[in-house]
Amino acid sequence: MRLLVLGGSEFVGRAFVDEALSLGHDVSMFNRGTHEPPAGVTALRGDRTAPGGLTAIERGEWDVVVDTWAWAPSAVRDAARLLADRAGHFVYVSSRSVYHFPMPAGADETAPLVEGSPDDEVAVEYARVKMGGELAAVAAFGDRALLARAGLILGPHENIGRLPWWLHRVARGGPVLAPGPADLGLQYIDTRDLALWCLSAAERGLSGPYNMVSPPAFTTMGELLEACVQVTGSDARLRWAEPETILAAGVQPWIDLPIWLTGEDHDALHQGDVSKAVAAGLRCRPVEETVADTWAWLRGLPGPPPTRADRPPLGLDPEVEAKLLEQVRP
């Protein structure tokens, strides 16, 4: 299969490139060239936000195009229009954020959507950005567009900082504030499983929206953090705190304690219906493998892990954690 990845050097795009290469596909990457491409990739250079920036992909034909763009939807629109007559399938990595919030537990792909426009020239609210990207993909490719509505994405090369923060915190050892309950169900997708399913689905000609995340309660907060303890080999001791205690201290779920959510936020992110994707072949690797591989990647870096400038720094202030730990002594 001839694959064109728009981007491809970081996190999700990187997973598409790596998995496609491992499957023996012919892979081209189109980006600005700020990162060296892997061996075996055809590098095409250009800045899709600049006038004339798509020149490098004005020629050529591909079986599948993958786009992970998360800024102004007009960039998806322009690339998709340019490629529509020379590519067979268009995979747009979207987000479950395109559903109206609050999204009830058990919502599937038919849940109400936010408004969006493929013609937005600037990055607007994230949900609208992704909705605009979906509309752009469908406008150009019609029933040849596959919309992968991803939930929480974890795995090696993560540039958001969620699982890396937990791994580094646990690696420091000692008592670790663990947000309860320990059996809180989590729903996420390993970036490599996301890539593998999308590549297979595109080859099979699947189209339309798919919630792209593991089944509900695929793992738990306890299993995730215990896996962090195991792979880091630290002397960390998890001290579980009730949500009410944590929230009363002004701690923000998702930001101060990544991955963890409560109430309707938890229901929206961690209890979605993914039966459509599972029926279409989605398979998710064990959480222990995702955690171990992410830790191995982190240990191999020459410095701190990459982070996106458009996202806030994550993690709990050590002083706040220390005060809360005083309240949850074993």
C-alpha atoms as a PDB file:
ATOM      1  CA  MET A   1       0.000   0.000   0.000  1.00  0.00           C
ATOM      2  CA  ARG A   2       1.210   3.494  -0.862  1.00  0.00           C
ATOM      3  CA  LEU A   3       0.679   5.683   2.189  1.00  0.00           C
ATOM      4  CA  LEU A   4       1.001   9.438   2.576  1.00  0.00           C
ATOM      5  CA  VAL A   5       1.132  10.734   6.149  1.00  0.00           C
ATOM      6  CA  LEU A   6       0.583  14.451   6.584  1.00  0.00           C
ATOM      7  CA  GLY A   7       2.873  15.169   9.512  1.00  0.00           C
ATOM      8  CA  GLY A   8       4.175  11.881  10.821  1.00  0.00           C
ATOM      9  CA  SER A   9       7.051  12.906  13.073  1.00  0.00           C
ATOM     10  CA  GLU A  10       5.301  13.121  16.442  1.00  0.00           C
ATOM     11  CA  PHE A  11       3.118  10.849  18.587  1.00  0.00           C
ATOM     12  CA  VAL A  12       0.080   9.664  16.594  1.00  0.00           C
ATOM     13  CA  GLY A  13       1.527  10.485  13.185  1.00  0.00           C
ATOM     14  CA  ARG A  14       4.772   8.802  14.193  1.00  0.00           C
ATOM     15  CA  ALA A  15       2.859   5.652  15.141  1.00  0.00           C
ATOM     16  CA  PHE A  16       1.223   5.540  11.695  1.00  0.00           C
ATOM     17  CA  VAL A  17       4.613   5.820  10.019  1.00  0.00           C
ATOM     18  CA  ASP A  18       6.291   3.210  12.234  1.00  0.00           C
ATOM     19  CA  GLU A  19       3.451   0.681  11.980  1.00  0.00           C
ATOM     20  CA  ALA A  20       3.100   1.157   8.233  1.00  0.00           C
ATOM     21  CA  LEU A  21       6.814   0.571   7.732  1.00  0.00           C
ATOM     22  CA  SER A  22       6.679  -2.557   9.888  1.00  0.00           C
ATOM     23  CA  LEU A  23       3.891  -3.861   7.634  1.00  0.00           C
ATOM     24  CA  GLY A  24       5.985  -3.261   4.526  1.00  0.00           C
ATOM     25  CA  HIS A  25       3.990  -0.353   3.110  1.00  0.00           C
ATOM     26  CA  ASP A  26       5.480   2.339   0.869  1.00  0.00           C
ATOM     27  CA  VAL A  27       5.429   5.412   3.126  1.00  0.00           C
ATOM     28  CA  SER A  28       5.748   9.107   2.258  1.00  0.00           C
ATOM     29  CA  MET A  29       5.741  11.854   4.894  1.00  0.00           C
ATOM     30  CA  PHE A  30       4.798  15.440   4.206  1.00  0.00           C
ATOM     31  CA  ASN A  31       5.906  17.976   6.818  1.00  0.00           C
ATOM     32  CA  ARG A  32       8.215  20.903   7.488  1.00  0.00           C
ATOM     33  CA  GLY A  33      11.221  18.691   8.148  1.00  0.00           C
ATOM     34  CA  THR A  34      11.878  19.746  11.736  1.00  0.00           C
ATOM     35  CA  HIS A  35      12.472  16.075  12.608  1.00  0.00           C
ATOM     36  CA  GLU A  36      14.495  13.522  10.675  1.00  0.00           C
ATOM     37  CA  PRO A  37      12.256  10.916   9.031  1.00  0.00           C
ATOM     38  CA  PRO A  38      12.807   7.210   9.726  1.00  0.00           C
ATOM     39  CA  ALA A  39      14.862   5.203   7.272  1.00  0.00           C
ATOM     40  CA  GLY A  40      12.858   3.990   4.307  1.00  0.00           C
ATOM     41  CA  VAL A  41      10.466   6.938   4.197  1.00  0.00           C
ATOM     42  CA  THR A  42      10.103   9.302   1.253  1.00  0.00           C
ATOM     43  CA  ALA A  43      10.347  12.798   2.744  1.00  0.00           C
ATOM     44  CA  LEU A  44       8.236  15.540   1.168  1.00  0.00           C
ATOM     45  CA  ARG A  45       8.799  19.034   2.536  1.00  0.00           C
ATOM     46  CA  GLY A  46       6.351  21.875   2.919  1.00  0.00           C
ATOM     47  CA  ASP A  47       4.433  24.048   5.360  1.00  0.00           C
ATOM     48  CA  ARG A  48       0.707  23.505   4.850  1.00  0.00           C
ATOM     49  CA  THR A  49      -0.089  26.813   6.564  1.00  0.00           C
ATOM     50  CA  ALA A  50       2.040  28.904   4.173  1.00  0.00           C
ATOM     51  CA  PRO A  51       1.132  30.157   0.686  1.00  0.00           C
ATOM     52  CA  GLY A  52       2.274  27.548  -1.810  1.00  0.00           C
ATOM     53  CA  GLY A  53       3.139  25.225   1.044  1.00  0.00           C
ATOM     54  CA  LEU A  54       1.517  22.162  -0.551  1.00  0.00           C
ATOM     55  CA  THR A  55       3.682  22.164  -3.671  1.00  0.00           C
ATOM     56  CA  ALA A  56       5.449  18.928  -2.708  1.00  0.00           C
ATOM     57  CA  ILE A  57       2.189  16.948  -2.830  1.00  0.00           C
ATOM     58  CA  GLU A  58       0.775  18.483  -6.002  1.00  0.00           C
ATOM     59  CA  ARG A  59       1.989  15.374  -7.826  1.00  0.00           C
ATOM     60  CA  GLY A  60       1.903  11.735  -6.886  1.00  0.00           C
ATOM     61  CA  GLU A  61      -0.710   9.106  -6.162  1.00  0.00           C
ATOM     62  CA  TRP A  62      -1.410   7.225  -2.953  1.00  0.00           C
ATOM     63  CA  ASP A  63      -3.770   4.521  -1.802  1.00  0.00           C
ATOM     64  CA  VAL A  64      -4.310   6.088   1.611  1.00  0.00           C
ATOM     65  CA  VAL A  65      -3.691   9.524   3.118  1.00  0.00           C
ATOM     66  CA  VAL A  66      -3.542  10.013   6.892  1.00  0.00           C
ATOM     67  CA  ASP A  67      -4.088  13.419   8.468  1.00  0.00           C
ATOM     68  CA  THR A  68      -3.800  14.108  12.216  1.00  0.00           C
ATOM     69  CA  TRP A  69      -4.137  17.910  11.972  1.00  0.00           C
ATOM     70  CA  ALA A  70      -5.527  19.594  15.103  1.00  0.00           C
ATOM     71  CA  TRP A  71      -5.397  23.288  14.240  1.00  0.00           C
ATOM     72  CA  ALA A  72      -7.246  25.446  11.694  1.00  0.00           C
ATOM     73  CA  PRO A  73      -9.557  23.139   9.677  1.00  0.00           C
ATOM     74  CA  SER A  74      -8.832  25.034   6.463  1.00  0.00           C
ATOM     75  CA  ALA A  75      -5.507  23.186   6.333  1.00  0.00           C
ATOM     76  CA  VAL A  76      -7.356  19.849   6.202  1.00  0.00           C
ATOM     77  CA  ARG A  77      -9.710  21.291   3.585  1.00  0.00           C
ATOM     78  CA  ASP A  78      -6.899  22.452   1.302  1.00  0.00           C
ATOM     79  CA  ALA A  79      -4.885  19.238   1.511  1.00  0.00           C
ATOM     80  CA  ALA A  80      -7.926  16.996   1.061  1.00  0.00           C
ATOM     81  CA  ARG A  81      -9.130  18.939  -1.982  1.00  0.00           C
ATOM     82  CA  LEU A  82      -5.689  18.743  -3.532  1.00  0.00           C
ATOM     83  CA  LEU A  83      -5.435  14.983  -3.007  1.00  0.00           C
ATOM     84  CA  ALA A  84      -9.017  13.862  -3.666  1.00  0.00           C
ATOM     85  CA  ASP A  85      -8.413  12.800  -7.270  1.00  0.00           C
ATOM     86  CA  ARG A  86      -5.047  11.166  -6.585  1.00  0.00           C
ATOM     87  CA  ALA A  87      -5.673   9.207  -3.389  1.00  0.00           C
ATOM     88  CA  GLY A  88      -7.997   6.315  -2.705  1.00  0.00           C
ATOM     89  CA  HIS A  89      -8.865   6.823   0.962  1.00  0.00           C
ATOM     90  CA  PHE A  90      -8.503   9.644   3.491  1.00  0.00           C
ATOM     91  CA  VAL A  91      -8.074   8.851   7.195  1.00  0.00           C
ATOM     92  CA  TYR A  92      -8.704  11.800   9.470  1.00  0.00           C
ATOM     93  CA  VAL A  93      -7.738  11.287  13.101  1.00  0.00           C
ATOM     94  CA  SER A  94     -10.492  13.171  14.829  1.00  0.00           C
ATOM     95  CA  SER A  95     -11.617  13.180  18.454  1.00  0.00           C
ATOM     96  CA  ARG A  96     -14.548  12.152  20.597  1.00  0.00           C
ATOM     97  CA  SER A  97     -14.562  15.829  21.587  1.00  0.00           C
ATOM     98  CA  VAL A  98     -16.754  16.417  18.530  1.00  0.00           C
ATOM     99  CA  TYR A  99     -19.749  15.168  20.513  1.00  0.00           C
ATOM    100  CA  HIS A 100     -21.886  17.631  22.425  1.00  0.00           C
ATOM    101  CA  PHE A 101     -20.928  17.777  26.099  1.00  0.00           C
ATOM    102  CA  PRO A 102     -22.089  16.375  28.413  1.00  0.00           C
ATOM    103  CA  MET A 103     -21.996  13.124  26.514  1.00  0.00           C
ATOM    104  CA  PRO A 104     -23.921  10.417  28.387  1.00  0.00           C
ATOM    105  CA  ALA A 105     -22.327   7.113  29.297  1.00  0.00           C
ATOM    106  CA  GLY A 106     -22.759   4.603  26.496  1.00  0.00           C
ATOM    107  CA  ALA A 107     -22.947   7.162  23.690  1.00  0.00           C
ATOM    108  CA  ASP A 108     -22.038   5.846  20.248  1.00  0.00           C
ATOM    109  CA  GLU A 109     -21.269   7.475  16.897  1.00  0.00           C
ATOM    110  CA  THR A 110     -24.839   8.734  16.538  1.00  0.00           C
ATOM    111  CA  ALA A 111     -24.553  11.104  19.522  1.00  0.00           C
ATOM    112  CA  PRO A 112     -25.184  14.825  18.770  1.00  0.00           C
ATOM    113  CA  LEU A 113     -22.207  16.718  17.356  1.00  0.00           C
ATOM    114  CA  VAL A 114     -20.843  20.206  17.920  1.00  0.00           C
ATOM    115  CA  GLU A 115     -20.906  22.733  15.109  1.00  0.00           C
ATOM    116  CA  GLY A 116     -17.863  23.234  12.934  1.00  0.00           C
ATOM    117  CA  SER A 117     -16.693  24.648   9.638  1.00  0.00           C
ATOM    118  CA  PRO A 118     -14.040  23.385   7.211  1.00  0.00           C
ATOM    119  CA  ASP A 119     -13.368  27.008   6.326  1.00  0.00           C
ATOM    120  CA  ASP A 120     -12.115  28.195   9.720  1.00  0.00           C
ATOM    121  CA  GLU A 121      -8.765  29.830   8.993  1.00  0.00           C
ATOM    122  CA  VAL A 122      -7.600  29.993  12.595  1.00  0.00           C
ATOM    123  CA  ALA A 123      -7.538  27.432  15.370  1.00  0.00           C
ATOM    124  CA  VAL A 124     -10.727  27.776  17.392  1.00  0.00           C
ATOM    125  CA  GLU A 125     -12.043  25.663  20.276  1.00  0.00           C
ATOM    126  CA  TYR A 126     -10.656  22.107  20.005  1.00  0.00           C
ATOM    127  CA  ALA A 127     -14.006  20.387  19.445  1.00  0.00           C
ATOM    128  CA  ARG A 128     -14.897  22.808  16.650  1.00  0.00           C
ATOM    129  CA  VAL A 129     -11.451  22.363  15.091  1.00  0.00           C
ATOM    130  CA  LYS A 130     -11.853  18.610  14.894  1.00  0.00           C
ATOM    131  CA  MET A 131     -15.433  18.892  13.643  1.00  0.00           C
ATOM    132  CA  GLY A 132     -14.248  21.236  10.913  1.00  0.00           C
ATOM    133  CA  GLY A 133     -11.548  18.759   9.969  1.00  0.00           C
ATOM    134  CA  GLU A 134     -14.119  15.977   9.664  1.00  0.00           C
ATOM    135  CA  LEU A 135     -16.329  18.113   7.446  1.00  0.00           C
ATOM    136  CA  ALA A 136     -13.349  18.989   5.260  1.00  0.00           C
ATOM    137  CA  ALA A 137     -12.390  15.347   4.853  1.00  0.00           C
ATOM    138  CA  VAL A 138     -15.910  14.271   3.935  1.00  0.00           C
ATOM    139  CA  ALA A 139     -16.427  17.214   1.555  1.00  0.00           C
ATOM    140  CA  ALA A 140     -13.392  16.170  -0.472  1.00  0.00           C
ATOM    141  CA  PHE A 141     -13.480  12.367  -0.190  1.00  0.00           C
ATOM    142  CA  GLY A 142     -17.124  11.569   0.521  1.00  0.00           C
ATOM    143  CA  ASP A 143     -17.567   7.888   1.347  1.00  0.00           C
ATOM    144  CA  ARG A 144     -13.815   7.409   1.002  1.00  0.00           C
ATOM    145  CA  ALA A 145     -13.200   9.316   4.254  1.00  0.00           C
ATOM    146  CA  LEU A 146     -12.603   7.399   7.488  1.00  0.00           C
ATOM    147  CA  LEU A 147     -13.108   9.449  10.672  1.00  0.00           C
ATOM    148  CA  ALA A 148     -11.253   7.987  13.647  1.00  0.00           C
ATOM    149  CA  ARG A 149     -12.773   9.669  16.695  1.00  0.00           C
ATOM    150  CA  ALA A 150     -10.056   8.942  19.202  1.00  0.00           C
ATOM    151  CA  GLY A 151     -10.463   9.195  22.940  1.00  0.00           C
ATOM    152  CA  LEU A 152      -7.578   9.321  25.399  1.00  0.00           C
ATOM    153  CA  ILE A 153      -4.423   8.332  23.494  1.00  0.00           C
ATOM    154  CA  LEU A 154      -1.424   6.852  25.314  1.00  0.00           C
ATOM    155  CA  GLY A 155       1.796   5.138  24.296  1.00  0.00           C
ATOM    156  CA  PRO A 156       5.404   5.783  23.269  1.00  0.00           C
ATOM    157  CA  HIS A 157       6.273   9.223  21.877  1.00  0.00           C
ATOM    158  CA  GLU A 158       3.430  10.884  23.777  1.00  0.00           C
ATOM    159  CA  ASN A 159       3.903  14.662  23.576  1.00  0.00           C
ATOM    160  CA  ILE A 160       0.993  15.598  25.845  1.00  0.00           C
ATOM    161  CA  GLY A 161       2.595  14.382  29.061  1.00  0.00           C
ATOM    162  CA  ARG A 162      -0.144  12.320  30.724  1.00  0.00           C
ATOM    163  CA  LEU A 163       1.349   8.854  31.083  1.00  0.00           C
ATOM    164  CA  PRO A 164       4.917  10.262  31.113  1.00  0.00           C
ATOM    165  CA  TRP A 165       4.021  12.391  34.153  1.00  0.00           C
ATOM    166  CA  TRP A 166       2.697   9.408  36.071  1.00  0.00           C
ATOM    167  CA  LEU A 167       5.702   7.287  35.172  1.00  0.00           C
ATOM    168  CA  HIS A 168       8.171   9.954  36.267  1.00  0.00           C
ATOM    169  CA  ARG A 169       6.246  10.644  39.462  1.00  0.00           C
ATOM    170  CA  VAL A 170       6.105   6.957  40.379  1.00  0.00           C
ATOM    171  CA  ALA A 171       9.782   6.528  39.467  1.00  0.00           C
ATOM    172  CA  ARG A 172      10.708   9.128  42.117  1.00  0.00           C
ATOM    173  CA  GLY A 173       9.321   6.711  44.669  1.00  0.00           C
ATOM    174  CA  GLY A 174       7.966   7.224  48.150  1.00  0.00           C
ATOM    175  CA  PRO A 175       4.292   7.737  48.931  1.00  0.00           C
ATOM    176  CA  VAL A 176       2.317   8.674  45.803  1.00  0.00           C
ATOM    177  CA  LEU A 177      -1.104  10.269  45.919  1.00  0.00           C
ATOM    178  CA  ALA A 178      -3.369   7.935  43.941  1.00  0.00           C
ATOM    179  CA  PRO A 179      -6.773   9.332  42.939  1.00  0.00           C
ATOM    180  CA  GLY A 180      -9.513   6.892  43.754  1.00  0.00           C
ATOM    181  CA  PRO A 181     -11.349   4.784  43.530  1.00  0.00           C
ATOM    182  CA  ALA A 182      -8.731   2.227  42.515  1.00  0.00           C
ATOM    183  CA  ASP A 183     -11.318   0.315  40.493  1.00  0.00           C
ATOM    184  CA  LEU A 184     -12.279   3.402  38.455  1.00  0.00           C
ATOM    185  CA  GLY A 185     -12.681   2.176  34.877  1.00  0.00           C
ATOM    186  CA  LEU A 186     -10.516   3.756  32.167  1.00  0.00           C
ATOM    187  CA  GLN A 187     -11.003   3.846  28.413  1.00  0.00           C
ATOM    188  CA  TYR A 188      -8.059   4.764  26.185  1.00  0.00           C
ATOM    189  CA  ILE A 189      -6.267   3.726  23.016  1.00  0.00           C
ATOM    190  CA  ASP A 190      -2.620   2.859  22.539  1.00  0.00           C
ATOM    191  CA  THR A 191      -1.407   5.021  19.664  1.00  0.00           C
ATOM    192  CA  ARG A 192      -0.050   1.952  17.873  1.00  0.00           C
ATOM    193  CA  ASP A 193      -3.388   0.143  18.077  1.00  0.00           C
ATOM    194  CA  LEU A 194      -5.068   3.264  16.713  1.00  0.00           C
ATOM    195  CA  ALA A 195      -2.673   3.316  13.777  1.00  0.00           C
ATOM    196  CA  LEU A 196      -2.918  -0.408  13.057  1.00  0.00           C
ATOM    197  CA  TRP A 197      -6.714  -0.405  13.035  1.00  0.00           C
ATOM    198  CA  CYS A 198      -6.943   2.685  10.819  1.00  0.00           C
ATOM    199  CA  LEU A 199      -4.469   1.292   8.285  1.00  0.00           C
ATOM    200  CA  SER A 200      -6.368  -1.996   8.112  1.00  0.00           C
ATOM    201  CA  ALA A 201      -9.745  -0.251   7.946  1.00  0.00           C
ATOM    202  CA  ALA A 202      -8.602   2.005   5.113  1.00  0.00           C
ATOM    203  CA  GLU A 203      -7.301  -0.987   3.159  1.00  0.00           C
ATOM    204  CA  ARG A 204     -10.704  -2.615   3.602  1.00  0.00           C
ATOM    205  CA  GLY A 205     -12.486   0.511   2.392  1.00  0.00           C
ATOM    206  CA  LEU A 206     -14.244   1.360   5.659  1.00  0.00           C
ATOM    207  CA  SER A 207     -15.551   4.889   5.951  1.00  0.00           C
ATOM    208  CA  GLY A 208     -17.499   7.173   8.220  1.00  0.00           C
ATOM    209  CA  PRO A 209     -17.055   7.753  11.957  1.00  0.00           C
ATOM    210  CA  TYR A 210     -15.714   5.235  14.459  1.00  0.00           C
ATOM    211  CA  ASN A 211     -15.155   5.787  18.164  1.00  0.00           C
ATOM    212  CA  MET A 212     -11.526   4.831  18.450  1.00  0.00           C
ATOM    213  CA  VAL A 213     -10.814   3.805  22.022  1.00  0.00           C
ATOM    214  CA  SER A 214     -10.765   0.631  24.109  1.00  0.00           C
ATOM    215  CA  PRO A 215     -13.960  -0.868  25.524  1.00  0.00           C
ATOM    216  CA  PRO A 216     -15.152   0.731  28.797  1.00  0.00           C
ATOM    217  CA  ALA A 217     -13.255  -0.410  31.907  1.00  0.00           C
ATOM    218  CA  PHE A 218     -10.579  -1.973  29.691  1.00  0.00           C
ATOM    219  CA  THR A 219      -8.318  -1.179  32.645  1.00  0.00           C
ATOM    220  CA  THR A 220      -8.620   0.693  35.923  1.00  0.00           C
ATOM    221  CA  MET A 221      -6.809   3.540  37.616  1.00  0.00           C
ATOM    222  CA  GLY A 222      -5.373   0.996  40.022  1.00  0.00           C
ATOM    223  CA  GLU A 223      -4.093  -1.306  37.288  1.00  0.00           C
ATOM    224  CA  LEU A 224      -2.532   1.615  35.414  1.00  0.00           C
ATOM    225  CA  LEU A 225      -0.662   2.952  38.443  1.00  0.00           C
ATOM    226  CA  GLU A 226       0.378  -0.503  39.639  1.00  0.00           C
ATOM    227  CA  ALA A 227       1.839  -1.087  36.168  1.00  0.00           C
ATOM    228  CA  CYS A 228       3.812   2.151  36.572  1.00  0.00           C
ATOM    229  CA  VAL A 229       5.208   0.887  39.886  1.00  0.00           C
ATOM    230  CA  GLN A 230       6.179  -2.439  38.371  1.00  0.00           C
ATOM    231  CA  VAL A 231       7.944  -1.146  35.259  1.00  0.00           C
ATOM    232  CA  THR A 232       9.876   1.624  37.024  1.00  0.00           C
ATOM    233  CA  GLY A 233      11.027  -0.691  39.798  1.00  0.00           C
ATOM    234  CA  SER A 234      10.722   2.137  42.320  1.00  0.00           C
ATOM    235  CA  ASP A 235       9.786   1.949  45.987  1.00  0.00           C
ATOM    236  CA  ALA A 236       6.623   3.968  45.289  1.00  0.00           C
ATOM    237  CA  ARG A 237       3.703   3.283  47.610  1.00  0.00           C
ATOM    238  CA  LEU A 238       0.295   4.193  46.251  1.00  0.00           C
ATOM    239  CA  ARG A 239      -1.920   5.954  48.760  1.00  0.00           C
ATOM    240  CA  TRP A 240      -5.481   6.014  47.546  1.00  0.00           C
ATOM    241  CA  ALA A 241      -7.543   9.095  48.290  1.00  0.00           C
ATOM    242  CA  GLU A 242     -11.267   9.594  47.867  1.00  0.00           C
ATOM    243  CA  PRO A 243     -12.300  11.975  45.067  1.00  0.00           C
ATOM    244  CA  GLU A 244     -14.009  14.300  47.559  1.00  0.00           C
ATOM    245  CA  THR A 245     -10.765  14.776  49.490  1.00  0.00           C
ATOM    246  CA  ILE A 246      -8.803  15.579  46.358  1.00  0.00           C
ATOM    247  CA  LEU A 247     -11.368  17.926  44.871  1.00  0.00           C
ATOM    248  CA  ALA A 248     -11.767  19.802  48.186  1.00  0.00           C
ATOM    249  CA  ALA A 249      -8.073  20.694  47.986  1.00  0.00           C
ATOM    250  CA  GLY A 250      -8.619  22.465  44.654  1.00  0.00           C
ATOM    251  CA  VAL A 251      -6.871  19.780  42.607  1.00  0.00           C
ATOM    252  CA  GLN A 252      -7.976  19.688  38.961  1.00  0.00           C
ATOM    253  CA  PRO A 253      -8.714  16.279  37.477  1.00  0.00           C
ATOM    254  CA  TRP A 254      -7.076  15.697  34.078  1.00  0.00           C
ATOM    255  CA  ILE A 255      -4.641  18.622  34.540  1.00  0.00           C
ATOM    256  CA  ASP A 256      -3.115  18.174  38.016  1.00  0.00           C
ATOM    257  CA  LEU A 257      -3.750  14.426  38.030  1.00  0.00           C
ATOM    258  CA  PRO A 258      -3.612  13.354  34.367  1.00  0.00           C
ATOM    259  CA  ILE A 259      -6.022  10.716  33.033  1.00  0.00           C
ATOM    260  CA  TRP A 260      -8.205  10.811  36.183  1.00  0.00           C
ATOM    261  CA  LEU A 261     -11.706  12.264  35.867  1.00  0.00           C
ATOM    262  CA  THR A 262     -14.861  12.350  37.944  1.00  0.00           C
ATOM    263  CA  GLY A 263     -18.618  12.642  37.422  1.00  0.00           C
ATOM    264  CA  GLU A 264     -19.990  13.470  33.988  1.00  0.00           C
ATOM    265  CA  ASP A 265     -16.467  14.178  32.711  1.00  0.00           C
ATOM    266  CA  HIS A 266     -15.542  10.582  33.472  1.00  0.00           C
ATOM    267  CA  ASP A 267     -18.728   9.279  31.886  1.00  0.00           C
ATOM    268  CA  ALA A 268     -18.062  11.246  28.705  1.00  0.00           C
ATOM    269  CA  LEU A 269     -14.438  10.164  28.283  1.00  0.00           C
ATOM    270  CA  HIS A 270     -14.323   6.708  29.816  1.00  0.00           C
ATOM    271  CA  GLN A 271     -17.723   5.139  29.076  1.00  0.00           C
ATOM    272  CA  GLY A 272     -18.211   5.473  25.336  1.00  0.00           C
ATOM    273  CA  ASP A 273     -19.691   2.779  23.102  1.00  0.00           C
ATOM    274  CA  VAL A 274     -17.018   1.310  20.830  1.00  0.00           C
ATOM    275  CA  SER A 275     -18.916  -1.750  19.641  1.00  0.00           C
ATOM    276  CA  LYS A 276     -18.773  -0.542  16.033  1.00  0.00           C
ATOM    277  CA  ALA A 277     -14.962  -0.427  16.007  1.00  0.00           C
ATOM    278  CA  VAL A 278     -14.629  -3.715  17.911  1.00  0.00           C
ATOM    279  CA  ALA A 279     -16.913  -5.404  15.391  1.00  0.00           C
ATOM    280  CA  ALA A 280     -14.650  -3.992  12.671  1.00  0.00           C
ATOM    281  CA  GLY A 281     -11.562  -5.572  14.178  1.00  0.00           C
ATOM    282  CA  LEU A 282     -10.248  -3.184  16.832  1.00  0.00           C
ATOM    283  CA  ARG A 283      -7.896  -4.987  19.208  1.00  0.00           C
ATOM    284  CA  CYS A 284      -6.199  -3.338  22.183  1.00  0.00           C
ATOM    285  CA  ARG A 285      -2.955  -4.473  23.785  1.00  0.00           C
ATOM    286  CA  PRO A 286      -2.778  -4.867  27.596  1.00  0.00           C
ATOM    287  CA  VAL A 287      -2.196  -1.747  29.673  1.00  0.00           C
ATOM    288  CA  GLU A 288       0.983  -3.314  31.058  1.00  0.00           C
ATOM    289  CA  GLU A 289       2.475  -3.336  27.552  1.00  0.00           C
ATOM    290  CA  THR A 290       1.561   0.292  26.880  1.00  0.00           C
ATOM    291  CA  VAL A 291       3.051   1.380  30.203  1.00  0.00           C
ATOM    292  CA  ALA A 292       6.228  -0.691  29.794  1.00  0.00           C
ATOM    293  CA  ASP A 293       6.882   0.484  26.242  1.00  0.00           C
ATOM    294  CA  THR A 294       6.284   4.122  27.187  1.00  0.00           C
ATOM    295  CA  TRP A 295       8.736   3.809  30.085  1.00  0.00           C
ATOM    296  CA  ALA A 296      11.328   2.180  27.811  1.00  0.00           C
ATOM    297  CA  TRP A 297      10.956   5.068  25.373  1.00  0.00           C
ATOM    298  CA  LEU A 298      11.274   7.657  28.152  1.00  0.00           C
ATOM    299  CA  ARG A 299      14.433   6.014  29.503  1.00  0.00           C
ATOM    300  CA  GLY A 300      15.991   6.112  26.056  1.00  0.00           C
ATOM    301  CA  LEU A 301      15.551   9.855  25.596  1.00  0.00           C
ATOM    302  CA  PRO A 302      18.595  12.115  25.963  1.00  0.00           C
ATOM    303  CA  GLY A 303      16.522  14.692  27.862  1.00  0.00           C
ATOM    304  CA  PRO A 304      12.965  15.435  28.957  1.00  0.00           C
ATOM    305  CA  PRO A 305      10.130  14.083  26.806  1.00  0.00           C
ATOM    306  CA  PRO A 306       8.675  16.279  24.059  1.00  0.00           C
ATOM    307  CA  THR A 307       5.677  18.444  24.898  1.00  0.00           C
ATOM    308  CA  ARG A 308       3.296  20.463  22.794  1.00  0.00           C
ATOM    309  CA  ALA A 309       3.524  24.219  23.230  1.00  0.00           C
ATOM    310  CA  ASP A 310      -0.243  24.586  22.783  1.00  0.00           C
ATOM    311  CA  ARG A 311      -1.047  22.421  25.820  1.00  0.00           C
ATOM    312  CA  PRO A 312      -0.746  23.407  29.499  1.00  0.00           C
ATOM    313  CA  PRO A 313       1.894  21.692  31.649  1.00  0.00           C
ATOM    314  CA  LEU A 314       0.496  18.743  33.543  1.00  0.00           C
ATOM    315  CA  GLY A 315       1.079  17.365  37.000  1.00  0.00           C
ATOM    316  CA  LEU A 316       0.401  17.905  40.668  1.00  0.00           C
ATOM    317  CA  ASP A 317       2.421  20.452  42.648  1.00  0.00           C
ATOM    318  CA  PRO A 318       4.638  18.479  45.086  1.00  0.00           C
ATOM    319  CA  GLU A 319       3.604  20.719  47.990  1.00  0.00           C
ATOM    320  CA  VAL A 320      -0.070  20.110  47.304  1.00  0.00           C
ATOM    321  CA  GLU A 321       0.583  16.388  47.077  1.00  0.00           C
ATOM    322  CA  ALA A 322       2.472  16.399  50.376  1.00  0.00           C
ATOM    323  CA  LYS A 323      -0.414  18.128  52.161  1.00  0.00           C
ATOM    324  CA  LEU A 324      -2.934  15.686  50.755  1.00  0.00           C
ATOM    325  CA  LEU A 325      -0.768  12.718  51.708  1.00  0.00           C
ATOM    326  CA  GLU A 326      -0.938  13.913  55.301  1.00  0.00           C
ATOM    327  CA  GLN A 327      -4.690  13.428  55.111  1.00  0.00           C
ATOM    328  CA  VAL A 328      -4.539   9.905  53.708  1.00  0.00           C
ATOM    329  CA  ARG A 329      -1.920   8.274  55.881  1.00  0.00           C
ATOM    330  CA  PRO A 330      -2.180   4.455  55.850  1.00  0.00           C
END
